[in-house]
Amino acid sequence: MTRFGLAAALLASALLATPHAFAADAAKGKTAFNKCRACHTLEAGKNRIGPHLQGIFGRKAGAVEKYAYSSAMKKSGIVWDEKTLTDYLADPRKSVKGTKMAFPGIKKKSELDDLMAYLKEAAK
């Protein structure tokens, strides 16, 4: 085998061994949102056990009117974006100690990515 052939073979094997970039799927995210639906809506002004999520991206945590947030959430200083929301949904009680959200979190990164893709479309 030539040096070029060996280099090409090594590069090909390295590329095959590297995980491909994950493409988030909003349709799967809509299914993942079923875990949220019992407590949250995407309808502005309609709160349930948790606040509505319409317009969540760019919103300061604890800012939905007529919703009784925990003092921990109000004082968190979080502004919701993809990273802060992903971190929070992975482990709410670790992310905001004292939150009243009882949800245990979403552990699968792909499911969180899908949920973010869905929320970016549905919670505008």
PDB file of N, CA and C in Angstrom:
ATOM      1  N   MET A   1       0.848  -1.173   0.000  1.00  0.00           N
ATOM      2  CA  MET A   1       0.000   0.000   0.000  1.00  0.00           C
ATOM      3  C   MET A   1       0.897   1.241   0.000  1.00  0.00           C
ATOM      4  N   THR A   2       0.523   2.227  -0.777  1.00  0.00           N
ATOM      5  CA  THR A   2       1.310   3.453  -0.843  1.00  0.00           C
ATOM      6  C   THR A   2       1.044   4.305   0.393  1.00  0.00           C
ATOM      7  N   ARG A   3       1.893   5.297   0.598  1.00  0.00           N
ATOM      8  CA  ARG A   3       1.673   6.218   1.726  1.00  0.00           C
ATOM      9  C   ARG A   3       0.324   6.911   1.585  1.00  0.00           C
ATOM     10  N   PHE A   4      -0.004   7.314   0.354  1.00  0.00           N
ATOM     11  CA  PHE A   4      -1.288   7.963   0.105  1.00  0.00           C
ATOM     12  C   PHE A   4      -2.443   7.022   0.445  1.00  0.00           C
ATOM     13  N   GLY A   5      -2.327   5.779   0.028  1.00  0.00           N
ATOM     14  CA  GLY A   5      -3.370   4.795   0.301  1.00  0.00           C
ATOM     15  C   GLY A   5      -3.525   4.541   1.787  1.00  0.00           C
ATOM     16  N   LEU A   6      -2.393   4.463   2.491  1.00  0.00           N
ATOM     17  CA  LEU A   6      -2.431   4.255   3.936  1.00  0.00           C
ATOM     18  C   LEU A   6      -3.062   5.456   4.633  1.00  0.00           C
ATOM     19  N   ALA A   7      -2.679   6.650   4.216  1.00  0.00           N
ATOM     20  CA  ALA A   7      -3.245   7.864   4.810  1.00  0.00           C
ATOM     21  C   ALA A   7      -4.750   7.936   4.555  1.00  0.00           C
ATOM     22  N   ALA A   8      -5.153   7.611   3.357  1.00  0.00           N
ATOM     23  CA  ALA A   8      -6.577   7.636   3.016  1.00  0.00           C
ATOM     24  C   ALA A   8      -7.344   6.613   3.849  1.00  0.00           C
ATOM     25  N   ALA A   9      -6.771   5.436   4.029  1.00  0.00           N
ATOM     26  CA  ALA A   9      -7.419   4.397   4.824  1.00  0.00           C
ATOM     27  C   ALA A   9      -7.545   4.824   6.286  1.00  0.00           C
ATOM     28  N   LEU A  10      -6.495   5.433   6.830  1.00  0.00           N
ATOM     29  CA  LEU A  10      -6.545   5.906   8.218  1.00  0.00           C
ATOM     30  C   LEU A  10      -7.574   7.020   8.384  1.00  0.00           C
ATOM     31  N   LEU A  11      -7.614   7.940   7.434  1.00  0.00           N
ATOM     32  CA  LEU A  11      -8.592   9.021   7.492  1.00  0.00           C
ATOM     33  C   LEU A  11     -10.012   8.472   7.406  1.00  0.00           C
ATOM     34  N   ALA A  12     -10.238   7.549   6.507  1.00  0.00           N
ATOM     35  CA  ALA A  12     -11.569   6.947   6.357  1.00  0.00           C
ATOM     36  C   ALA A  12     -12.001   6.233   7.630  1.00  0.00           C
ATOM     37  N   SER A  13     -11.093   5.496   8.243  1.00  0.00           N
ATOM     38  CA  SER A  13     -11.459   4.779   9.471  1.00  0.00           C
ATOM     39  C   SER A  13     -11.722   5.757  10.609  1.00  0.00           C
ATOM     40  N   ALA A  14     -10.966   6.859  10.652  1.00  0.00           N
ATOM     41  CA  ALA A  14     -11.197   7.865  11.691  1.00  0.00           C
ATOM     42  C   ALA A  14     -12.557   8.527  11.509  1.00  0.00           C
ATOM     43  N   LEU A  15     -12.907   8.822  10.269  1.00  0.00           N
ATOM     44  CA  LEU A  15     -14.205   9.443  10.003  1.00  0.00           C
ATOM     45  C   LEU A  15     -15.358   8.502  10.332  1.00  0.00           C
ATOM     46  N   LEU A  16     -15.182   7.235  10.047  1.00  0.00           N
ATOM     47  CA  LEU A  16     -16.231   6.260  10.344  1.00  0.00           C
ATOM     48  C   LEU A  16     -16.376   6.045  11.841  1.00  0.00           C
ATOM     49  N   ALA A  17     -15.303   6.194  12.583  1.00  0.00           N
ATOM     50  CA  ALA A  17     -15.341   5.990  14.028  1.00  0.00           C
ATOM     51  C   ALA A  17     -15.905   7.203  14.759  1.00  0.00           C
ATOM     52  N   THR A  18     -15.914   8.371  14.100  1.00  0.00           N
ATOM     53  CA  THR A  18     -16.418   9.595  14.717  1.00  0.00           C
ATOM     54  C   THR A  18     -17.928   9.639  14.586  1.00  0.00           C
ATOM     55  N   PRO A  19     -18.637   9.897  15.704  1.00  0.00           N
ATOM     56  CA  PRO A  19     -20.089   9.986  15.605  1.00  0.00           C
ATOM     57  C   PRO A  19     -20.498  11.143  14.701  1.00  0.00           C
ATOM     58  N   HIS A  20     -21.530  10.924  13.933  1.00  0.00           N
ATOM     59  CA  HIS A  20     -22.033  11.971  13.050  1.00  0.00           C
ATOM     60  C   HIS A  20     -22.761  13.013  13.881  1.00  0.00           C
ATOM     61  N   ALA A  21     -22.754  14.218  13.392  1.00  0.00           N
ATOM     62  CA  ALA A  21     -23.455  15.302  14.079  1.00  0.00           C
ATOM     63  C   ALA A  21     -24.934  14.946  14.165  1.00  0.00           C
ATOM     64  N   PHE A  22     -25.525  15.196  15.308  1.00  0.00           N
ATOM     65  CA  PHE A  22     -26.927  14.899  15.529  1.00  0.00           C
ATOM     66  C   PHE A  22     -27.784  16.006  14.935  1.00  0.00           C
ATOM     67  N   ALA A  23     -28.728  15.656  14.133  1.00  0.00           N
ATOM     68  CA  ALA A  23     -29.666  16.625  13.574  1.00  0.00           C
ATOM     69  C   ALA A  23     -30.947  16.562  14.391  1.00  0.00           C
ATOM     70  N   ALA A  24     -31.271  17.654  15.059  1.00  0.00           N
ATOM     71  CA  ALA A  24     -32.475  17.692  15.887  1.00  0.00           C
ATOM     72  C   ALA A  24     -33.709  17.528  15.016  1.00  0.00           C
ATOM     73  N   ASP A  25     -34.717  16.883  15.553  1.00  0.00           N
ATOM     74  CA  ASP A  25     -35.944  16.561  14.824  1.00  0.00           C
ATOM     75  C   ASP A  25     -37.140  17.139  15.585  1.00  0.00           C
ATOM     76  N   ALA A  26     -37.711  18.212  15.043  1.00  0.00           N
ATOM     77  CA  ALA A  26     -38.833  18.873  15.708  1.00  0.00           C
ATOM     78  C   ALA A  26     -40.047  17.955  15.854  1.00  0.00           C
ATOM     79  N   ALA A  27     -40.249  17.036  14.906  1.00  0.00           N
ATOM     80  CA  ALA A  27     -41.381  16.098  15.014  1.00  0.00           C
ATOM     81  C   ALA A  27     -41.201  15.188  16.227  1.00  0.00           C
ATOM     82  N   LYS A  28     -39.988  14.713  16.433  1.00  0.00           N
ATOM     83  CA  LYS A  28     -39.719  13.917  17.637  1.00  0.00           C
ATOM     84  C   LYS A  28     -39.830  14.788  18.879  1.00  0.00           C
ATOM     85  N   GLY A  29     -39.448  16.060  18.755  1.00  0.00           N
ATOM     86  CA  GLY A  29     -39.559  16.996  19.869  1.00  0.00           C
ATOM     87  C   GLY A  29     -40.997  17.227  20.287  1.00  0.00           C
ATOM     88  N   LYS A  30     -41.903  17.209  19.315  1.00  0.00           N
ATOM     89  CA  LYS A  30     -43.330  17.347  19.636  1.00  0.00           C
ATOM     90  C   LYS A  30     -43.779  16.177  20.500  1.00  0.00           C
ATOM     91  N   THR A  31     -43.284  14.993  20.195  1.00  0.00           N
ATOM     92  CA  THR A  31     -43.588  13.815  21.022  1.00  0.00           C
ATOM     93  C   THR A  31     -42.963  13.966  22.401  1.00  0.00           C
ATOM     94  N   ALA A  32     -41.728  14.454  22.451  1.00  0.00           N
ATOM     95  CA  ALA A  32     -41.052  14.663  23.739  1.00  0.00           C
ATOM     96  C   ALA A  32     -41.806  15.680  24.584  1.00  0.00           C
ATOM     97  N   PHE A  33     -42.458  16.649  23.939  1.00  0.00           N
ATOM     98  CA  PHE A  33     -43.216  17.668  24.665  1.00  0.00           C
ATOM     99  C   PHE A  33     -44.383  17.072  25.442  1.00  0.00           C
ATOM    100  N   ASN A  34     -44.792  15.851  25.102  1.00  0.00           N
ATOM    101  CA  ASN A  34     -45.865  15.199  25.858  1.00  0.00           C
ATOM    102  C   ASN A  34     -45.509  15.080  27.335  1.00  0.00           C
ATOM    103  N   LYS A  35     -44.220  14.997  27.647  1.00  0.00           N
ATOM    104  CA  LYS A  35     -43.783  14.943  29.052  1.00  0.00           C
ATOM    105  C   LYS A  35     -44.036  16.273  29.753  1.00  0.00           C
ATOM    106  N   CYS A  36     -44.150  17.335  29.008  1.00  0.00           N
ATOM    107  CA  CYS A  36     -44.313  18.691  29.553  1.00  0.00           C
ATOM    108  C   CYS A  36     -45.781  19.117  29.615  1.00  0.00           C
ATOM    109  N   ARG A  37     -46.579  18.518  28.738  1.00  0.00           N
ATOM    110  CA  ARG A  37     -47.957  18.930  28.499  1.00  0.00           C
ATOM    111  C   ARG A  37     -48.866  18.898  29.739  1.00  0.00           C
ATOM    112  N   ALA A  38     -48.616  18.026  30.656  1.00  0.00           N
ATOM    113  CA  ALA A  38     -49.476  17.945  31.845  1.00  0.00           C
ATOM    114  C   ALA A  38     -49.402  19.233  32.671  1.00  0.00           C
ATOM    115  N   CYS A  39     -48.266  19.913  32.604  1.00  0.00           N
ATOM    116  CA  CYS A  39     -48.059  21.105  33.433  1.00  0.00           C
ATOM    117  C   CYS A  39     -47.939  22.407  32.642  1.00  0.00           C
ATOM    118  N   HIS A  40     -47.601  22.341  31.370  1.00  0.00           N
ATOM    119  CA  HIS A  40     -47.339  23.537  30.581  1.00  0.00           C
ATOM    120  C   HIS A  40     -48.145  23.537  29.284  1.00  0.00           C
ATOM    121  N   THR A  41     -48.485  24.746  28.825  1.00  0.00           N
ATOM    122  CA  THR A  41     -49.103  24.911  27.509  1.00  0.00           C
ATOM    123  C   THR A  41     -48.193  25.789  26.653  1.00  0.00           C
ATOM    124  N   LEU A  42     -48.509  25.840  25.396  1.00  0.00           N
ATOM    125  CA  LEU A  42     -47.818  26.737  24.474  1.00  0.00           C
ATOM    126  C   LEU A  42     -48.711  27.930  24.133  1.00  0.00           C
ATOM    127  N   GLU A  43     -49.811  28.067  24.855  1.00  0.00           N
ATOM    128  CA  GLU A  43     -50.776  29.139  24.615  1.00  0.00           C
ATOM    129  C   GLU A  43     -50.499  30.303  25.567  1.00  0.00           C
ATOM    130  N   ALA A  44     -50.175  31.460  24.989  1.00  0.00           N
ATOM    131  CA  ALA A  44     -49.863  32.648  25.789  1.00  0.00           C
ATOM    132  C   ALA A  44     -50.985  32.947  26.775  1.00  0.00           C
ATOM    133  N   GLY A  45     -50.615  33.230  27.994  1.00  0.00           N
ATOM    134  CA  GLY A  45     -51.575  33.607  29.020  1.00  0.00           C
ATOM    135  C   GLY A  45     -52.292  32.450  29.685  1.00  0.00           C
ATOM    136  N   LYS A  46     -52.086  31.229  29.228  1.00  0.00           N
ATOM    137  CA  LYS A  46     -52.778  30.075  29.803  1.00  0.00           C
ATOM    138  C   LYS A  46     -51.788  29.240  30.616  1.00  0.00           C
ATOM    139  N   ASN A  47     -51.782  29.476  31.912  1.00  0.00           N
ATOM    140  CA  ASN A  47     -50.906  28.723  32.800  1.00  0.00           C
ATOM    141  C   ASN A  47     -51.631  27.503  33.344  1.00  0.00           C
ATOM    142  N   ARG A  48     -50.869  26.504  33.661  1.00  0.00           N
ATOM    143  CA  ARG A  48     -51.387  25.309  34.332  1.00  0.00           C
ATOM    144  C   ARG A  48     -50.638  25.193  35.645  1.00  0.00           C
ATOM    145  N   ILE A  49     -50.236  24.003  36.000  1.00  0.00           N
ATOM    146  CA  ILE A  49     -49.399  23.820  37.187  1.00  0.00           C
ATOM    147  C   ILE A  49     -48.102  24.599  37.007  1.00  0.00           C
ATOM    148  N   GLY A  50     -47.629  24.653  35.767  1.00  0.00           N
ATOM    149  CA  GLY A  50     -46.458  25.450  35.406  1.00  0.00           C
ATOM    150  C   GLY A  50     -46.877  26.579  34.485  1.00  0.00           C
ATOM    151  N   PRO A  51     -45.985  27.544  34.266  1.00  0.00           N
ATOM    152  CA  PRO A  51     -46.321  28.671  33.402  1.00  0.00           C
ATOM    153  C   PRO A  51     -46.382  28.267  31.937  1.00  0.00           C
ATOM    154  N   HIS A  52     -47.089  29.076  31.134  1.00  0.00           N
ATOM    155  CA  HIS A  52     -47.122  28.813  29.688  1.00  0.00           C
ATOM    156  C   HIS A  52     -45.713  29.023  29.132  1.00  0.00           C
ATOM    157  N   LEU A  53     -45.437  28.383  28.016  1.00  0.00           N
ATOM    158  CA  LEU A  53     -44.107  28.440  27.429  1.00  0.00           C
ATOM    159  C   LEU A  53     -44.052  29.290  26.155  1.00  0.00           C
ATOM    160  N   GLN A  54     -45.164  29.892  25.782  1.00  0.00           N
ATOM    161  CA  GLN A  54     -45.163  30.743  24.599  1.00  0.00           C
ATOM    162  C   GLN A  54     -44.190  31.902  24.805  1.00  0.00           C
ATOM    163  N   GLY A  55     -43.290  32.107  23.859  1.00  0.00           N
ATOM    164  CA  GLY A  55     -42.314  33.183  23.948  1.00  0.00           C
ATOM    165  C   GLY A  55     -41.215  32.958  24.967  1.00  0.00           C
ATOM    166  N   ILE A  56     -40.945  31.695  25.307  1.00  0.00           N
ATOM    167  CA  ILE A  56     -39.967  31.408  26.361  1.00  0.00           C
ATOM    168  C   ILE A  56     -38.550  31.844  25.989  1.00  0.00           C
ATOM    169  N   PHE A  57     -38.160  31.709  24.724  1.00  0.00           N
ATOM    170  CA  PHE A  57     -36.794  32.058  24.339  1.00  0.00           C
ATOM    171  C   PHE A  57     -36.601  33.573  24.417  1.00  0.00           C
ATOM    172  N   GLY A  58     -35.636  33.977  25.209  1.00  0.00           N
ATOM    173  CA  GLY A  58     -35.366  35.391  25.428  1.00  0.00           C
ATOM    174  C   GLY A  58     -36.085  35.965  26.631  1.00  0.00           C
ATOM    175  N   ARG A  59     -36.942  35.180  27.261  1.00  0.00           N
ATOM    176  CA  ARG A  59     -37.692  35.640  28.424  1.00  0.00           C
ATOM    177  C   ARG A  59     -36.900  35.380  29.702  1.00  0.00           C
ATOM    178  N   LYS A  60     -37.001  36.286  30.634  1.00  0.00           N
ATOM    179  CA  LYS A  60     -36.364  36.111  31.930  1.00  0.00           C
ATOM    180  C   LYS A  60     -37.158  35.093  32.744  1.00  0.00           C
ATOM    181  N   ALA A  61     -36.455  34.202  33.425  1.00  0.00           N
ATOM    182  CA  ALA A  61     -37.120  33.201  34.270  1.00  0.00           C
ATOM    183  C   ALA A  61     -37.923  33.912  35.360  1.00  0.00           C
ATOM    184  N   GLY A  62     -39.116  33.419  35.594  1.00  0.00           N
ATOM    185  CA  GLY A  62     -39.966  33.977  36.641  1.00  0.00           C
ATOM    186  C   GLY A  62     -40.764  35.187  36.196  1.00  0.00           C
ATOM    187  N   ALA A  63     -40.908  35.386  34.889  1.00  0.00           N
ATOM    188  CA  ALA A  63     -41.515  36.617  34.395  1.00  0.00           C
ATOM    189  C   ALA A  63     -42.951  36.481  33.876  1.00  0.00           C
ATOM    190  N   VAL A  64     -43.502  35.287  33.801  1.00  0.00           N
ATOM    191  CA  VAL A  64     -44.872  35.151  33.294  1.00  0.00           C
ATOM    192  C   VAL A  64     -45.844  35.696  34.337  1.00  0.00           C
ATOM    193  N   GLU A  65     -46.694  36.611  33.888  1.00  0.00           N
ATOM    194  CA  GLU A  65     -47.679  37.203  34.786  1.00  0.00           C
ATOM    195  C   GLU A  65     -48.692  36.168  35.255  1.00  0.00           C
ATOM    196  N   LYS A  66     -49.197  36.380  36.425  1.00  0.00           N
ATOM    197  CA  LYS A  66     -50.229  35.537  37.030  1.00  0.00           C
ATOM    198  C   LYS A  66     -49.769  34.099  37.236  1.00  0.00           C
ATOM    199  N   TYR A  67     -48.467  33.920  37.426  1.00  0.00           N
ATOM    200  CA  TYR A  67     -47.950  32.606  37.792  1.00  0.00           C
ATOM    201  C   TYR A  67     -47.107  32.777  39.045  1.00  0.00           C
ATOM    202  N   ALA A  68     -47.334  31.905  40.034  1.00  0.00           N
ATOM    203  CA  ALA A  68     -46.630  31.976  41.320  1.00  0.00           C
ATOM    204  C   ALA A  68     -45.355  31.141  41.275  1.00  0.00           C
ATOM    205  N   TYR A  69     -44.267  31.765  40.888  1.00  0.00           N
ATOM    206  CA  TYR A  69     -42.968  31.091  40.835  1.00  0.00           C
ATOM    207  C   TYR A  69     -42.380  30.925  42.223  1.00  0.00           C
ATOM    208  N   SER A  70     -41.461  29.989  42.335  1.00  0.00           N
ATOM    209  CA  SER A  70     -40.682  29.872  43.569  1.00  0.00           C
ATOM    210  C   SER A  70     -39.751  31.082  43.637  1.00  0.00           C
ATOM    211  N   SER A  71     -39.360  31.454  44.846  1.00  0.00           N
ATOM    212  CA  SER A  71     -38.421  32.575  44.972  1.00  0.00           C
ATOM    213  C   SER A  71     -37.092  32.224  44.312  1.00  0.00           C
ATOM    214  N   ALA A  72     -36.720  30.936  44.325  1.00  0.00           N
ATOM    215  CA  ALA A  72     -35.474  30.501  43.694  1.00  0.00           C
ATOM    216  C   ALA A  72     -35.498  30.788  42.194  1.00  0.00           C
ATOM    217  N   MET A  73     -36.628  30.536  41.552  1.00  0.00           N
ATOM    218  CA  MET A  73     -36.734  30.785  40.119  1.00  0.00           C
ATOM    219  C   MET A  73     -36.702  32.284  39.846  1.00  0.00           C
ATOM    220  N   LYS A  74     -37.442  33.056  40.639  1.00  0.00           N
ATOM    221  CA  LYS A  74     -37.471  34.504  40.436  1.00  0.00           C
ATOM    222  C   LYS A  74     -36.089  35.127  40.616  1.00  0.00           C
ATOM    223  N   LYS A  75     -35.305  34.580  41.521  1.00  0.00           N
ATOM    224  CA  LYS A  75     -33.972  35.124  41.819  1.00  0.00           C
ATOM    225  C   LYS A  75     -32.862  34.495  40.979  1.00  0.00           C
ATOM    226  N   SER A  76     -33.200  33.551  40.111  1.00  0.00           N
ATOM    227  CA  SER A  76     -32.178  32.791  39.382  1.00  0.00           C
ATOM    228  C   SER A  76     -31.372  33.636  38.395  1.00  0.00           C
ATOM    229  N   GLY A  77     -31.954  34.689  37.866  1.00  0.00           N
ATOM    230  CA  GLY A  77     -31.265  35.520  36.883  1.00  0.00           C
ATOM    231  C   GLY A  77     -31.173  34.886  35.504  1.00  0.00           C
ATOM    232  N   ILE A  78     -31.831  33.761  35.321  1.00  0.00           N
ATOM    233  CA  ILE A  78     -31.779  33.058  34.037  1.00  0.00           C
ATOM    234  C   ILE A  78     -32.588  33.812  32.985  1.00  0.00           C
ATOM    235  N   VAL A  79     -32.026  33.885  31.789  1.00  0.00           N
ATOM    236  CA  VAL A  79     -32.773  34.296  30.604  1.00  0.00           C
ATOM    237  C   VAL A  79     -32.789  33.051  29.724  1.00  0.00           C
ATOM    238  N   TRP A  80     -33.983  32.617  29.373  1.00  0.00           N
ATOM    239  CA  TRP A  80     -34.119  31.342  28.663  1.00  0.00           C
ATOM    240  C   TRP A  80     -33.617  31.444  27.225  1.00  0.00           C
ATOM    241  N   ASP A  81     -32.671  30.581  26.920  1.00  0.00           N
ATOM    242  CA  ASP A  81     -32.206  30.356  25.558  1.00  0.00           C
ATOM    243  C   ASP A  81     -32.019  28.847  25.431  1.00  0.00           C
ATOM    244  N   GLU A  82     -31.522  28.399  24.308  1.00  0.00           N
ATOM    245  CA  GLU A  82     -31.408  26.957  24.109  1.00  0.00           C
ATOM    246  C   GLU A  82     -30.524  26.303  25.172  1.00  0.00           C
ATOM    247  N   LYS A  83     -29.413  26.927  25.511  1.00  0.00           N
ATOM    248  CA  LYS A  83     -28.504  26.337  26.492  1.00  0.00           C
ATOM    249  C   LYS A  83     -29.107  26.324  27.899  1.00  0.00           C
ATOM    250  N   THR A  84     -29.636  27.464  28.349  1.00  0.00           N
ATOM    251  CA  THR A  84     -30.167  27.516  29.712  1.00  0.00           C
ATOM    252  C   THR A  84     -31.373  26.596  29.867  1.00  0.00           C
ATOM    253  N   LEU A  85     -32.213  26.526  28.836  1.00  0.00           N
ATOM    254  CA  LEU A  85     -33.392  25.657  28.911  1.00  0.00           C
ATOM    255  C   LEU A  85     -32.987  24.183  28.856  1.00  0.00           C
ATOM    256  N   THR A  86     -32.019  23.860  28.021  1.00  0.00           N
ATOM    257  CA  THR A  86     -31.529  22.481  27.944  1.00  0.00           C
ATOM    258  C   THR A  86     -30.921  22.063  29.281  1.00  0.00           C
ATOM    259  N   ASP A  87     -30.088  22.913  29.859  1.00  0.00           N
ATOM    260  CA  ASP A  87     -29.478  22.610  31.155  1.00  0.00           C
ATOM    261  C   ASP A  87     -30.556  22.410  32.223  1.00  0.00           C
ATOM    262  N   TYR A  88     -31.534  23.296  32.239  1.00  0.00           N
ATOM    263  CA  TYR A  88     -32.598  23.205  33.229  1.00  0.00           C
ATOM    264  C   TYR A  88     -33.417  21.930  33.057  1.00  0.00           C
ATOM    265  N   LEU A  89     -33.786  21.620  31.833  1.00  0.00           N
ATOM    266  CA  LEU A  89     -34.627  20.441  31.602  1.00  0.00           C
ATOM    267  C   LEU A  89     -33.882  19.127  31.799  1.00  0.00           C
ATOM    268  N   ALA A  90     -32.568  19.159  31.728  1.00  0.00           N
ATOM    269  CA  ALA A  90     -31.789  17.953  31.996  1.00  0.00           C
ATOM    270  C   ALA A  90     -31.850  17.591  33.479  1.00  0.00           C
ATOM    271  N   ASP A  91     -31.886  18.603  34.344  1.00  0.00           N
ATOM    272  CA  ASP A  91     -31.928  18.365  35.791  1.00  0.00           C
ATOM    273  C   ASP A  91     -32.424  19.636  36.487  1.00  0.00           C
ATOM    274  N   PRO A  92     -33.747  19.846  36.515  1.00  0.00           N
ATOM    275  CA  PRO A  92     -34.297  21.089  37.053  1.00  0.00           C
ATOM    276  C   PRO A  92     -33.856  21.418  38.476  1.00  0.00           C
ATOM    277  N   ARG A  93     -33.855  20.449  39.353  1.00  0.00           N
ATOM    278  CA  ARG A  93     -33.541  20.721  40.760  1.00  0.00           C
ATOM    279  C   ARG A  93     -32.061  21.019  40.985  1.00  0.00           C
ATOM    280  N   LYS A  94     -31.217  20.508  40.120  1.00  0.00           N
ATOM    281  CA  LYS A  94     -29.798  20.834  40.200  1.00  0.00           C
ATOM    282  C   LYS A  94     -29.537  22.213  39.596  1.00  0.00           C
ATOM    283  N   SER A  95     -30.240  22.509  38.521  1.00  0.00           N
ATOM    284  CA  SER A  95     -30.055  23.766  37.805  1.00  0.00           C
ATOM    285  C   SER A  95     -30.532  24.966  38.626  1.00  0.00           C
ATOM    286  N   VAL A  96     -31.702  24.845  39.254  1.00  0.00           N
ATOM    287  CA  VAL A  96     -32.252  25.912  40.097  1.00  0.00           C
ATOM    288  C   VAL A  96     -32.655  25.278  41.421  1.00  0.00           C
ATOM    289  N   LYS A  97     -31.737  25.335  42.348  1.00  0.00           N
ATOM    290  CA  LYS A  97     -32.030  24.759  43.669  1.00  0.00           C
ATOM    291  C   LYS A  97     -33.181  25.525  44.309  1.00  0.00           C
ATOM    292  N   GLY A  98     -34.227  24.788  44.689  1.00  0.00           N
ATOM    293  CA  GLY A  98     -35.408  25.405  45.267  1.00  0.00           C
ATOM    294  C   GLY A  98     -36.545  25.600  44.273  1.00  0.00           C
ATOM    295  N   THR A  99     -36.350  25.151  43.014  1.00  0.00           N
ATOM    296  CA  THR A  99     -37.448  25.238  42.054  1.00  0.00           C
ATOM    297  C   THR A  99     -38.606  24.376  42.539  1.00  0.00           C
ATOM    298  N   LYS A 100     -39.807  24.773  42.194  1.00  0.00           N
ATOM    299  CA  LYS A 100     -40.937  23.925  42.580  1.00  0.00           C
ATOM    300  C   LYS A 100     -41.299  22.920  41.495  1.00  0.00           C
ATOM    301  N   MET A 101     -40.563  22.947  40.391  1.00  0.00           N
ATOM    302  CA  MET A 101     -40.819  21.971  39.327  1.00  0.00           C
ATOM    303  C   MET A 101     -40.358  20.587  39.788  1.00  0.00           C
ATOM    304  N   ALA A 102     -41.300  19.660  39.845  1.00  0.00           N
ATOM    305  CA  ALA A 102     -41.015  18.317  40.360  1.00  0.00           C
ATOM    306  C   ALA A 102     -40.508  17.366  39.277  1.00  0.00           C
ATOM    307  N   PHE A 103     -40.481  17.800  38.044  1.00  0.00           N
ATOM    308  CA  PHE A 103     -40.049  16.971  36.917  1.00  0.00           C
ATOM    309  C   PHE A 103     -38.607  16.516  37.121  1.00  0.00           C
ATOM    310  N   PRO A 104     -38.327  15.207  36.925  1.00  0.00           N
ATOM    311  CA  PRO A 104     -36.980  14.696  37.192  1.00  0.00           C
ATOM    312  C   PRO A 104     -35.941  15.051  36.128  1.00  0.00           C
ATOM    313  N   GLY A 105     -36.383  15.458  34.963  1.00  0.00           N
ATOM    314  CA  GLY A 105     -35.449  15.851  33.910  1.00  0.00           C
ATOM    315  C   GLY A 105     -35.448  14.886  32.747  1.00  0.00           C
ATOM    316  N   ILE A 106     -34.876  15.332  31.651  1.00  0.00           N
ATOM    317  CA  ILE A 106     -34.722  14.520  30.443  1.00  0.00           C
ATOM    318  C   ILE A 106     -33.244  14.211  30.319  1.00  0.00           C
ATOM    319  N   LYS A 107     -32.902  12.961  30.365  1.00  0.00           N
ATOM    320  CA  LYS A 107     -31.495  12.557  30.411  1.00  0.00           C
ATOM    321  C   LYS A 107     -30.863  12.373  29.039  1.00  0.00           C
ATOM    322  N   LYS A 108     -31.656  12.045  28.019  1.00  0.00           N
ATOM    323  CA  LYS A 108     -31.101  11.789  26.688  1.00  0.00           C
ATOM    324  C   LYS A 108     -30.865  13.099  25.950  1.00  0.00           C
ATOM    325  N   LYS A 109     -29.624  13.342  25.570  1.00  0.00           N
ATOM    326  CA  LYS A 109     -29.253  14.567  24.843  1.00  0.00           C
ATOM    327  C   LYS A 109     -30.052  14.700  23.554  1.00  0.00           C
ATOM    328  N   SER A 110     -30.232  13.601  22.832  1.00  0.00           N
ATOM    329  CA  SER A 110     -30.969  13.667  21.561  1.00  0.00           C
ATOM    330  C   SER A 110     -32.421  14.091  21.795  1.00  0.00           C
ATOM    331  N   GLU A 111     -33.023  13.627  22.876  1.00  0.00           N
ATOM    332  CA  GLU A 111     -34.404  14.004  23.184  1.00  0.00           C
ATOM    333  C   GLU A 111     -34.489  15.493  23.543  1.00  0.00           C
ATOM    334  N   LEU A 112     -33.508  15.983  24.283  1.00  0.00           N
ATOM    335  CA  LEU A 112     -33.457  17.410  24.615  1.00  0.00           C
ATOM    336  C   LEU A 112     -33.273  18.254  23.346  1.00  0.00           C
ATOM    337  N   ASP A 113     -32.395  17.812  22.462  1.00  0.00           N
ATOM    338  CA  ASP A 113     -32.175  18.529  21.201  1.00  0.00           C
ATOM    339  C   ASP A 113     -33.455  18.572  20.371  1.00  0.00           C
ATOM    340  N   ASP A 114     -34.155  17.446  20.308  1.00  0.00           N
ATOM    341  CA  ASP A 114     -35.418  17.386  19.566  1.00  0.00           C
ATOM    342  C   ASP A 114     -36.451  18.317  20.197  1.00  0.00           C
ATOM    343  N   LEU A 115     -36.534  18.315  21.514  1.00  0.00           N
ATOM    344  CA  LEU A 115     -37.479  19.177  22.218  1.00  0.00           C
ATOM    345  C   LEU A 115     -37.163  20.647  21.947  1.00  0.00           C
ATOM    346  N   MET A 116     -35.897  21.012  21.962  1.00  0.00           N
ATOM    347  CA  MET A 116     -35.514  22.401  21.665  1.00  0.00           C
ATOM    348  C   MET A 116     -35.917  22.782  20.245  1.00  0.00           C
ATOM    349  N   ALA A 117     -35.719  21.873  19.296  1.00  0.00           N
ATOM    350  CA  ALA A 117     -36.114  22.138  17.906  1.00  0.00           C
ATOM    351  C   ALA A 117     -37.621  22.392  17.825  1.00  0.00           C
ATOM    352  N   TYR A 118     -38.397  21.594  18.536  1.00  0.00           N
ATOM    353  CA  TYR A 118     -39.843  21.766  18.544  1.00  0.00           C
ATOM    354  C   TYR A 118     -40.242  23.091  19.204  1.00  0.00           C
ATOM    355  N   LEU A 119     -39.669  23.376  20.362  1.00  0.00           N
ATOM    356  CA  LEU A 119     -40.035  24.598  21.076  1.00  0.00           C
ATOM    357  C   LEU A 119     -39.667  25.847  20.288  1.00  0.00           C
ATOM    358  N   LYS A 120     -38.555  25.800  19.552  1.00  0.00           N
ATOM    359  CA  LYS A 120     -38.179  26.962  18.734  1.00  0.00           C
ATOM    360  C   LYS A 120     -39.241  27.269  17.696  1.00  0.00           C
ATOM    361  N   GLU A 121     -39.908  26.246  17.209  1.00  0.00           N
ATOM    362  CA  GLU A 121     -40.981  26.434  16.230  1.00  0.00           C
ATOM    363  C   GLU A 121     -42.319  26.752  16.900  1.00  0.00           C
ATOM    364  N   ALA A 122     -42.643  26.042  17.962  1.00  0.00           N
ATOM    365  CA  ALA A 122     -43.991  26.089  18.545  1.00  0.00           C
ATOM    366  C   ALA A 122     -44.178  27.157  19.606  1.00  0.00           C
ATOM    367  N   ALA A 123     -43.094  27.647  20.187  1.00  0.00           N
ATOM    368  CA  ALA A 123     -43.213  28.600  21.314  1.00  0.00           C
ATOM    369  C   ALA A 123     -42.797  30.016  20.929  1.00  0.00           C
ATOM    370  N   LYS A 124     -42.902  30.332  19.655  1.00  0.00           N
ATOM    371  CA  LYS A 124     -42.482  31.673  19.176  1.00  0.00           C
ATOM    372  C   LYS A 124     -43.352  32.752  19.744  1.00  0.00           C
TER     373      LYS A 124
END
